[in-house]
Amino acid sequence: MSALGVGVDLVEVKRVRAMLGDKGAHVFDRLLTAAEAAYCRSRPDPAEHVAVRLAAKEAVYKALQGSEAARGIGWREIEVVRAPDGRPDVALT
């Protein structure tokens, strides 16, 4: 498989901050894995880290969208993890 294009996914921290203020724990439970939620909650500004994860998940979803098998993937089946050297990586379940 080869890349067909390159894109950028952005999620506004201000919007995520408002979502967290409005929906609270429901955002963590619905959109993030338990490990992602724990990491984001441990940070001084959880909204920044939630926004990063949502942007990454959206990018992965878009990249996989062309695959029939991938169309049913949910938000919590895409997990943003840290590689041993600290770089972000993605795990699919």
Protein backbone atom coordinates (compact mmCIF):
# COMPACT_ATOMS: atom_id res chain seq x y z
CA MET A 1 0.00 0.00 0.00
CA SER A 2 1.30 3.47 -0.76
CA ALA A 3 0.27 6.85 0.57
CA LEU A 4 -2.24 8.67 -1.59
CA GLY A 5 -1.90 12.00 0.13
CA VAL A 6 -0.80 13.94 3.16
CA GLY A 7 -3.04 15.94 5.44
CA VAL A 8 -3.20 17.75 8.73
CA ASP A 9 -5.85 17.22 11.38
CA LEU A 10 -6.36 19.97 13.92
CA VAL A 11 -8.55 20.05 17.00
CA GLU A 12 -8.99 23.36 18.81
CA VAL A 13 -7.95 23.17 22.46
CA LYS A 14 -10.58 25.82 23.26
CA ARG A 15 -13.30 23.55 21.84
CA VAL A 16 -12.04 20.54 23.79
CA ARG A 17 -11.87 22.61 26.95
CA ALA A 18 -15.53 23.56 26.43
CA MET A 19 -16.46 19.91 25.79
CA LEU A 20 -14.74 18.86 29.01
CA GLY A 21 -16.48 21.64 30.91
CA ASP A 22 -19.85 20.64 29.50
CA LYS A 23 -19.64 16.85 29.41
CA GLY A 24 -16.83 16.15 31.88
CA ALA A 25 -15.93 12.49 32.40
CA HIS A 26 -18.23 11.41 29.56
CA VAL A 27 -15.68 12.78 27.05
CA PHE A 28 -12.90 10.69 28.61
CA ASP A 29 -15.08 7.56 28.78
CA ARG A 30 -16.45 7.79 25.25
CA LEU A 31 -13.46 8.98 23.24
CA LEU A 32 -10.33 7.81 25.04
CA THR A 33 -8.95 4.51 26.26
CA ALA A 34 -8.44 4.14 30.01
CA ALA A 35 -4.68 4.69 29.58
CA GLU A 36 -5.20 7.81 27.46
CA ALA A 37 -7.70 9.23 29.94
CA ALA A 38 -5.36 8.60 32.86
CA TYR A 39 -2.49 10.29 31.03
CA CYS A 40 -4.56 13.32 30.03
CA ARG A 41 -6.00 13.73 33.52
CA SER A 42 -2.47 13.67 34.98
CA ARG A 43 -1.38 16.70 32.93
CA PRO A 44 -1.73 20.33 34.10
CA ASP A 45 -4.06 21.16 31.18
CA PRO A 46 -5.89 17.95 30.18
CA ALA A 47 -7.65 19.70 27.28
CA GLU A 48 -4.38 20.13 25.38
CA HIS A 49 -3.61 16.43 25.59
CA VAL A 50 -7.16 15.35 24.77
CA ALA A 51 -7.07 17.60 21.69
CA VAL A 52 -3.82 16.02 20.50
CA ARG A 53 -5.28 12.53 20.86
CA LEU A 54 -8.50 13.42 19.08
CA ALA A 55 -6.56 14.93 16.16
CA ALA A 56 -4.37 11.82 15.91
CA LYS A 57 -7.37 9.49 16.09
CA GLU A 58 -9.13 11.46 13.36
CA ALA A 59 -6.05 11.22 11.15
CA VAL A 60 -5.81 7.46 11.67
CA TYR A 61 -9.50 7.04 11.00
CA LYS A 62 -9.22 8.99 7.75
CA ALA A 63 -6.18 6.98 6.68
CA LEU A 64 -8.02 3.70 7.26
CA GLN A 65 -11.35 4.82 5.88
CA GLY A 66 -10.70 3.33 2.47
CA SER A 67 -10.53 -0.15 3.97
CA GLU A 68 -13.86 -1.96 4.26
CA ALA A 69 -12.66 -3.76 7.41
CA ALA A 70 -11.68 -0.50 9.10
CA ARG A 71 -14.98 1.32 8.69
CA GLY A 72 -16.34 0.04 12.01
CA ILE A 73 -13.40 1.22 14.09
CA GLY A 74 -14.44 3.25 17.13
CA TRP A 75 -12.67 6.05 18.97
CA ARG A 76 -11.42 3.78 21.77
CA GLU A 77 -10.07 1.21 19.32
CA ILE A 78 -7.47 3.75 18.20
CA GLU A 79 -5.04 4.50 21.02
CA VAL A 80 -2.30 7.12 21.00
CA VAL A 81 0.68 5.68 22.87
CA ARG A 82 4.26 6.71 23.45
CA ALA A 83 7.07 4.75 21.85
CA PRO A 84 10.01 3.86 24.14
CA ASP A 85 11.93 6.87 22.80
CA GLY A 86 9.00 9.20 23.61
CA ARG A 87 7.61 9.64 20.09
CA PRO A 88 3.85 9.31 19.65
CA ASP A 89 2.63 6.10 18.11
CA VAL A 90 -0.74 4.49 17.46
CA ALA A 91 -2.05 1.13 18.61
CA LEU A 92 -5.15 -0.39 17.02
CA THR A 93 -7.28 -2.93 18.86
